[in-house]
Amino acid sequence: MKERAAESRRRARMTDEEAEADVLAKIAEMPDADRALAERIHAVVKENAPELSARTWYGMPAYAPKGGKVMVFFQPASKFKARYSTLGFNDLAQLDDGAMWATSFALTELTAADEARIAELVKKAVG
């Protein structure tokens, strides 16, 4: 919670470019496996939803509409000593599919097919 509070104070003074640099710095600090996933997620999100701004969220890479709440986030496995990383979508994302749909996905590696699926999800999320 302390990290989140500090992020909020810093972000209030940051430009979009500074916030993205902050995200890239957090990604660079990750262990190799998490870093590889985070770099690809970052590239896929920026390519398929350029209207989303990168920023940190609880110390993790996240993406939100300008001035809005976080829509997409990447949770590295190392942060919680988990066996997989997570790509998550908050309720702002327009992923609705009937009465039940997935909002988070476990990741251990990314194939071209996985990246294509993530691109579809991100595009649908910003709908």
N, C-alpha and C. Protein backbone atom coordinates (compact mmCIF):
# COMPACT_ATOMS: atom_id res chain seq x y z
N MET A 1 0.82 -1.19 0.00
CA MET A 1 0.00 0.00 0.00
C MET A 1 0.87 1.26 0.00
N LYS A 2 2.01 1.20 0.69
CA LYS A 2 2.91 2.35 0.71
C LYS A 2 3.41 2.65 -0.69
N GLU A 3 3.74 1.57 -1.44
CA GLU A 3 4.23 1.77 -2.81
C GLU A 3 3.13 2.41 -3.67
N ARG A 4 1.90 1.97 -3.50
CA ARG A 4 0.77 2.52 -4.26
C ARG A 4 0.57 3.99 -3.94
N ALA A 5 0.64 4.36 -2.69
CA ALA A 5 0.48 5.76 -2.28
C ALA A 5 1.59 6.63 -2.88
N ALA A 6 2.82 6.12 -2.84
CA ALA A 6 3.95 6.87 -3.41
C ALA A 6 3.77 7.02 -4.92
N GLU A 7 3.29 5.96 -5.59
CA GLU A 7 3.05 6.04 -7.03
C GLU A 7 2.04 7.13 -7.35
N SER A 8 0.97 7.18 -6.59
CA SER A 8 -0.08 8.18 -6.82
C SER A 8 0.47 9.59 -6.70
N ARG A 9 1.30 9.83 -5.68
CA ARG A 9 1.88 11.16 -5.50
C ARG A 9 2.82 11.50 -6.65
N ARG A 10 3.67 10.54 -7.04
CA ARG A 10 4.62 10.77 -8.15
C ARG A 10 3.88 10.99 -9.46
N ARG A 11 2.88 10.16 -9.73
CA ARG A 11 2.16 10.21 -11.00
C ARG A 11 1.48 11.56 -11.20
N ALA A 12 1.04 12.18 -10.15
CA ALA A 12 0.38 13.48 -10.26
C ALA A 12 1.30 14.53 -10.89
N ARG A 13 2.61 14.32 -10.76
CA ARG A 13 3.57 15.27 -11.31
C ARG A 13 4.22 14.79 -12.60
N MET A 14 3.89 13.59 -13.07
CA MET A 14 4.56 13.00 -14.22
C MET A 14 3.85 13.27 -15.55
N THR A 15 4.65 13.39 -16.58
CA THR A 15 4.10 13.41 -17.94
C THR A 15 3.88 11.96 -18.36
N ASP A 16 3.17 11.74 -19.46
CA ASP A 16 2.98 10.38 -19.98
C ASP A 16 4.32 9.73 -20.29
N GLU A 17 5.24 10.52 -20.82
CA GLU A 17 6.56 9.98 -21.17
C GLU A 17 7.32 9.54 -19.92
N GLU A 18 7.23 10.32 -18.86
CA GLU A 18 7.90 9.98 -17.61
C GLU A 18 7.26 8.74 -16.98
N ALA A 19 5.93 8.65 -17.06
CA ALA A 19 5.24 7.48 -16.51
C ALA A 19 5.63 6.22 -17.27
N GLU A 20 5.73 6.32 -18.60
CA GLU A 20 6.15 5.16 -19.39
C GLU A 20 7.60 4.78 -19.07
N ALA A 21 8.45 5.76 -18.90
CA ALA A 21 9.84 5.49 -18.52
C ALA A 21 9.90 4.78 -17.17
N ASP A 22 9.01 5.16 -16.26
CA ASP A 22 8.92 4.51 -14.95
C ASP A 22 8.53 3.04 -15.11
N VAL A 23 7.57 2.78 -15.99
CA VAL A 23 7.15 1.39 -16.27
C VAL A 23 8.32 0.60 -16.85
N LEU A 24 8.99 1.18 -17.82
CA LEU A 24 10.12 0.49 -18.45
C LEU A 24 11.24 0.21 -17.45
N ALA A 25 11.45 1.12 -16.51
CA ALA A 25 12.45 0.91 -15.47
C ALA A 25 12.03 -0.25 -14.56
N LYS A 26 10.75 -0.32 -14.20
CA LYS A 26 10.25 -1.44 -13.38
C LYS A 26 10.42 -2.76 -14.12
N ILE A 27 10.13 -2.76 -15.41
CA ILE A 27 10.29 -3.97 -16.22
C ILE A 27 11.76 -4.39 -16.23
N ALA A 28 12.65 -3.43 -16.40
CA ALA A 28 14.09 -3.72 -16.46
C ALA A 28 14.61 -4.34 -15.16
N GLU A 29 13.97 -4.05 -14.04
CA GLU A 29 14.38 -4.59 -12.74
C GLU A 29 13.92 -6.03 -12.52
N MET A 30 13.00 -6.52 -13.35
CA MET A 30 12.43 -7.86 -13.15
C MET A 30 13.43 -8.96 -13.48
N PRO A 31 13.26 -10.13 -12.87
CA PRO A 31 14.06 -11.29 -13.26
C PRO A 31 13.81 -11.60 -14.75
N ASP A 32 14.75 -12.30 -15.36
CA ASP A 32 14.71 -12.54 -16.81
C ASP A 32 13.37 -13.04 -17.34
N ALA A 33 12.80 -14.08 -16.73
CA ALA A 33 11.56 -14.67 -17.24
C ALA A 33 10.42 -13.65 -17.20
N ASP A 34 10.28 -12.95 -16.08
CA ASP A 34 9.22 -11.94 -15.96
C ASP A 34 9.47 -10.78 -16.92
N ARG A 35 10.73 -10.38 -17.01
CA ARG A 35 11.08 -9.25 -17.89
C ARG A 35 10.72 -9.56 -19.34
N ALA A 36 11.02 -10.75 -19.80
CA ALA A 36 10.71 -11.12 -21.19
C ALA A 36 9.21 -11.04 -21.44
N LEU A 37 8.41 -11.55 -20.52
CA LEU A 37 6.96 -11.48 -20.66
C LEU A 37 6.48 -10.03 -20.62
N ALA A 38 6.96 -9.27 -19.65
CA ALA A 38 6.51 -7.89 -19.48
C ALA A 38 6.86 -7.03 -20.69
N GLU A 39 8.05 -7.24 -21.26
CA GLU A 39 8.44 -6.47 -22.46
C GLU A 39 7.50 -6.77 -23.62
N ARG A 40 7.15 -8.04 -23.81
CA ARG A 40 6.25 -8.40 -24.91
C ARG A 40 4.84 -7.87 -24.65
N ILE A 41 4.36 -7.99 -23.42
CA ILE A 41 3.03 -7.47 -23.08
C ILE A 41 3.00 -5.96 -23.34
N HIS A 42 4.03 -5.27 -22.89
CA HIS A 42 4.11 -3.82 -23.09
C HIS A 42 4.03 -3.48 -24.58
N ALA A 43 4.79 -4.19 -25.39
CA ALA A 43 4.80 -3.93 -26.83
C ALA A 43 3.44 -4.22 -27.46
N VAL A 44 2.81 -5.31 -27.07
CA VAL A 44 1.49 -5.67 -27.63
C VAL A 44 0.44 -4.64 -27.24
N VAL A 45 0.44 -4.23 -25.98
CA VAL A 45 -0.55 -3.23 -25.53
C VAL A 45 -0.33 -1.91 -26.26
N LYS A 46 0.91 -1.43 -26.30
CA LYS A 46 1.18 -0.14 -26.95
C LYS A 46 0.84 -0.17 -28.44
N GLU A 47 1.08 -1.31 -29.09
CA GLU A 47 0.79 -1.43 -30.52
C GLU A 47 -0.71 -1.50 -30.81
N ASN A 48 -1.45 -2.18 -29.95
CA ASN A 48 -2.86 -2.44 -30.23
C ASN A 48 -3.82 -1.50 -29.52
N ALA A 49 -3.34 -0.75 -28.56
CA ALA A 49 -4.19 0.22 -27.85
C ALA A 49 -3.35 1.45 -27.51
N PRO A 50 -2.92 2.19 -28.54
CA PRO A 50 -2.06 3.36 -28.28
C PRO A 50 -2.74 4.43 -27.43
N GLU A 51 -4.06 4.35 -27.32
CA GLU A 51 -4.77 5.33 -26.49
C GLU A 51 -4.60 5.07 -25.00
N LEU A 52 -4.06 3.92 -24.63
CA LEU A 52 -3.80 3.63 -23.22
C LEU A 52 -2.43 4.16 -22.82
N SER A 53 -2.37 4.74 -21.65
CA SER A 53 -1.11 5.26 -21.11
C SER A 53 -0.51 4.23 -20.17
N ALA A 54 0.80 4.05 -20.28
CA ALA A 54 1.50 3.14 -19.37
C ALA A 54 1.77 3.85 -18.05
N ARG A 55 1.65 3.10 -16.96
CA ARG A 55 2.00 3.62 -15.64
C ARG A 55 2.18 2.44 -14.71
N THR A 56 2.79 2.68 -13.57
CA THR A 56 2.90 1.60 -12.60
C THR A 56 1.65 1.59 -11.73
N TRP A 57 1.34 0.40 -11.25
CA TRP A 57 0.17 0.19 -10.39
C TRP A 57 0.57 -0.86 -9.38
N TYR A 58 0.71 -0.47 -8.12
CA TYR A 58 1.25 -1.35 -7.09
C TYR A 58 2.62 -1.90 -7.50
N GLY A 59 3.38 -1.08 -8.21
CA GLY A 59 4.72 -1.46 -8.64
C GLY A 59 4.76 -2.34 -9.86
N MET A 60 3.62 -2.55 -10.51
CA MET A 60 3.53 -3.42 -11.68
C MET A 60 3.20 -2.59 -12.92
N PRO A 61 3.60 -3.06 -14.11
CA PRO A 61 3.22 -2.37 -15.34
C PRO A 61 1.69 -2.41 -15.51
N ALA A 62 1.11 -1.28 -15.86
CA ALA A 62 -0.33 -1.19 -16.04
C ALA A 62 -0.63 -0.18 -17.13
N TYR A 63 -1.84 -0.24 -17.65
CA TYR A 63 -2.23 0.60 -18.78
C TYR A 63 -3.65 1.10 -18.53
N ALA A 64 -3.84 2.40 -18.75
CA ALA A 64 -5.12 3.03 -18.45
C ALA A 64 -5.43 4.09 -19.49
N PRO A 65 -6.72 4.37 -19.70
CA PRO A 65 -7.06 5.52 -20.54
C PRO A 65 -6.50 6.78 -19.89
N LYS A 66 -6.14 7.76 -20.68
CA LYS A 66 -5.56 9.00 -20.15
C LYS A 66 -6.40 9.53 -18.99
N GLY A 67 -5.76 9.64 -17.83
CA GLY A 67 -6.42 10.18 -16.64
C GLY A 67 -7.42 9.24 -16.00
N GLY A 68 -7.52 8.00 -16.49
CA GLY A 68 -8.52 7.07 -15.97
C GLY A 68 -7.94 5.98 -15.10
N LYS A 69 -8.82 5.06 -14.75
CA LYS A 69 -8.43 3.93 -13.92
C LYS A 69 -7.71 2.88 -14.75
N VAL A 70 -6.92 2.05 -14.08
CA VAL A 70 -6.19 0.98 -14.75
C VAL A 70 -7.16 0.00 -15.41
N MET A 71 -6.86 -0.33 -16.66
CA MET A 71 -7.67 -1.26 -17.42
C MET A 71 -6.97 -2.61 -17.55
N VAL A 72 -5.68 -2.59 -17.82
CA VAL A 72 -4.88 -3.79 -18.07
C VAL A 72 -3.64 -3.73 -17.19
N PHE A 73 -3.24 -4.88 -16.64
CA PHE A 73 -2.02 -4.89 -15.82
C PHE A 73 -1.29 -6.22 -16.00
N PHE A 74 0.00 -6.17 -15.71
CA PHE A 74 0.85 -7.36 -15.73
C PHE A 74 1.39 -7.56 -14.34
N GLN A 75 1.15 -8.74 -13.78
CA GLN A 75 1.64 -9.08 -12.45
C GLN A 75 2.75 -10.11 -12.60
N PRO A 76 4.00 -9.73 -12.36
CA PRO A 76 5.10 -10.68 -12.51
C PRO A 76 5.04 -11.78 -11.45
N ALA A 77 5.41 -12.97 -11.84
CA ALA A 77 5.42 -14.11 -10.92
C ALA A 77 6.30 -13.83 -9.70
N SER A 78 7.42 -13.17 -9.94
CA SER A 78 8.37 -12.93 -8.85
C SER A 78 7.81 -12.02 -7.75
N LYS A 79 6.87 -11.17 -8.08
CA LYS A 79 6.34 -10.23 -7.09
C LYS A 79 5.68 -10.95 -5.92
N PHE A 80 4.98 -12.07 -6.23
CA PHE A 80 4.28 -12.82 -5.19
C PHE A 80 4.80 -14.26 -5.06
N LYS A 81 6.00 -14.50 -5.64
CA LYS A 81 6.60 -15.84 -5.59
C LYS A 81 5.62 -16.88 -6.11
N ALA A 82 4.93 -16.54 -7.19
CA ALA A 82 3.95 -17.44 -7.81
C ALA A 82 4.63 -18.27 -8.91
N ARG A 83 3.98 -19.30 -9.36
CA ARG A 83 4.57 -20.14 -10.41
C ARG A 83 4.28 -19.61 -11.81
N TYR A 84 3.43 -18.58 -11.92
CA TYR A 84 3.15 -17.96 -13.21
C TYR A 84 2.88 -16.48 -13.05
N SER A 85 3.11 -15.74 -14.12
CA SER A 85 2.75 -14.32 -14.15
C SER A 85 1.29 -14.22 -14.55
N THR A 86 0.72 -13.04 -14.38
CA THR A 86 -0.69 -12.84 -14.69
C THR A 86 -0.88 -11.60 -15.55
N LEU A 87 -1.68 -11.75 -16.59
CA LEU A 87 -2.17 -10.61 -17.36
C LEU A 87 -3.60 -10.42 -16.91
N GLY A 88 -3.92 -9.24 -16.38
CA GLY A 88 -5.25 -9.02 -15.84
C GLY A 88 -5.94 -7.81 -16.44
N PHE A 89 -7.25 -7.86 -16.39
CA PHE A 89 -8.09 -6.78 -16.87
C PHE A 89 -9.05 -6.39 -15.76
N ASN A 90 -9.16 -5.11 -15.46
CA ASN A 90 -10.10 -4.63 -14.45
C ASN A 90 -11.47 -4.42 -15.09
N ASP A 91 -12.45 -4.09 -14.26
CA ASP A 91 -13.84 -4.02 -14.73
C ASP A 91 -14.07 -2.95 -15.78
N LEU A 92 -13.17 -2.02 -15.94
CA LEU A 92 -13.27 -1.00 -16.98
C LEU A 92 -13.16 -1.62 -18.37
N ALA A 93 -12.45 -2.75 -18.48
CA ALA A 93 -12.26 -3.43 -19.76
C ALA A 93 -13.59 -3.99 -20.26
N GLN A 94 -13.83 -3.84 -21.53
CA GLN A 94 -15.09 -4.29 -22.14
C GLN A 94 -14.95 -5.72 -22.66
N LEU A 95 -14.67 -6.66 -21.76
CA LEU A 95 -14.48 -8.05 -22.16
C LEU A 95 -15.74 -8.89 -22.02
N ASP A 96 -16.85 -8.27 -21.69
CA ASP A 96 -18.09 -8.99 -21.45
C ASP A 96 -18.38 -10.00 -22.55
N ASP A 97 -18.75 -11.21 -22.12
CA ASP A 97 -19.09 -12.28 -23.04
C ASP A 97 -20.15 -13.14 -22.36
N GLY A 98 -21.41 -12.71 -22.46
CA GLY A 98 -22.49 -13.41 -21.77
C GLY A 98 -22.49 -13.05 -20.30
N ALA A 99 -22.82 -14.03 -19.47
CA ALA A 99 -22.93 -13.79 -18.04
C ALA A 99 -21.63 -14.09 -17.29
N MET A 100 -20.61 -14.66 -17.99
CA MET A 100 -19.36 -15.01 -17.33
C MET A 100 -18.22 -14.94 -18.35
N TRP A 101 -17.09 -14.32 -17.92
CA TRP A 101 -15.93 -14.22 -18.80
C TRP A 101 -14.67 -14.11 -17.96
N ALA A 102 -13.55 -14.45 -18.58
CA ALA A 102 -12.26 -14.39 -17.88
C ALA A 102 -11.75 -12.95 -17.82
N THR A 103 -11.13 -12.60 -16.70
CA THR A 103 -10.54 -11.28 -16.55
C THR A 103 -9.05 -11.35 -16.23
N SER A 104 -8.52 -12.55 -16.05
CA SER A 104 -7.08 -12.70 -15.86
C SER A 104 -6.61 -14.01 -16.48
N PHE A 105 -5.33 -13.99 -16.87
CA PHE A 105 -4.75 -15.11 -17.60
C PHE A 105 -3.37 -15.41 -17.06
N ALA A 106 -3.11 -16.67 -16.78
CA ALA A 106 -1.80 -17.12 -16.31
C ALA A 106 -0.86 -17.17 -17.51
N LEU A 107 0.38 -16.72 -17.29
CA LEU A 107 1.39 -16.72 -18.36
C LEU A 107 2.69 -17.34 -17.85
N THR A 108 3.21 -18.27 -18.62
CA THR A 108 4.54 -18.80 -18.33
C THR A 108 5.50 -18.51 -19.47
N GLU A 109 4.95 -18.32 -20.65
CA GLU A 109 5.70 -17.92 -21.83
C GLU A 109 4.70 -17.36 -22.83
N LEU A 110 5.19 -16.74 -23.89
CA LEU A 110 4.30 -16.18 -24.91
C LEU A 110 4.69 -16.69 -26.28
N THR A 111 3.74 -17.30 -26.95
CA THR A 111 3.94 -17.71 -28.34
C THR A 111 3.33 -16.63 -29.23
N ALA A 112 3.53 -16.75 -30.51
CA ALA A 112 2.91 -15.80 -31.45
C ALA A 112 1.39 -15.86 -31.34
N ALA A 113 0.85 -17.06 -31.16
CA ALA A 113 -0.60 -17.21 -31.00
C ALA A 113 -1.09 -16.53 -29.72
N ASP A 114 -0.31 -16.65 -28.64
CA ASP A 114 -0.67 -15.99 -27.38
C ASP A 114 -0.68 -14.47 -27.56
N GLU A 115 0.34 -13.96 -28.23
CA GLU A 115 0.41 -12.52 -28.46
C GLU A 115 -0.77 -12.04 -29.30
N ALA A 116 -1.16 -12.83 -30.29
CA ALA A 116 -2.32 -12.47 -31.11
C ALA A 116 -3.59 -12.45 -30.25
N ARG A 117 -3.74 -13.40 -29.35
CA ARG A 117 -4.90 -13.45 -28.47
C ARG A 117 -4.90 -12.25 -27.52
N ILE A 118 -3.74 -11.91 -27.00
CA ILE A 118 -3.64 -10.74 -26.12
C ILE A 118 -4.00 -9.48 -26.89
N ALA A 119 -3.54 -9.36 -28.12
CA ALA A 119 -3.88 -8.20 -28.96
C ALA A 119 -5.40 -8.10 -29.12
N GLU A 120 -6.06 -9.23 -29.37
CA GLU A 120 -7.53 -9.24 -29.50
C GLU A 120 -8.19 -8.78 -28.20
N LEU A 121 -7.71 -9.31 -27.08
CA LEU A 121 -8.29 -8.94 -25.79
C LEU A 121 -8.11 -7.45 -25.50
N VAL A 122 -6.94 -6.93 -25.77
CA VAL A 122 -6.67 -5.51 -25.51
C VAL A 122 -7.57 -4.64 -26.39
N LYS A 123 -7.69 -4.99 -27.65
CA LYS A 123 -8.56 -4.23 -28.55
C LYS A 123 -10.01 -4.27 -28.07
N LYS A 124 -10.46 -5.45 -27.65
CA LYS A 124 -11.83 -5.58 -27.13
C LYS A 124 -11.99 -4.79 -25.84
N ALA A 125 -10.97 -4.80 -25.00
CA ALA A 125 -11.04 -4.10 -23.71
C ALA A 125 -11.29 -2.62 -23.88
N VAL A 126 -10.62 -2.01 -24.87
CA VAL A 126 -10.79 -0.57 -25.07
C VAL A 126 -12.03 -0.26 -25.90
N GLY A 127 -12.58 -1.31 -26.53
CA GLY A 127 -13.80 -1.29 -27.33
C GLY A 127 -14.32 0.01 -27.67
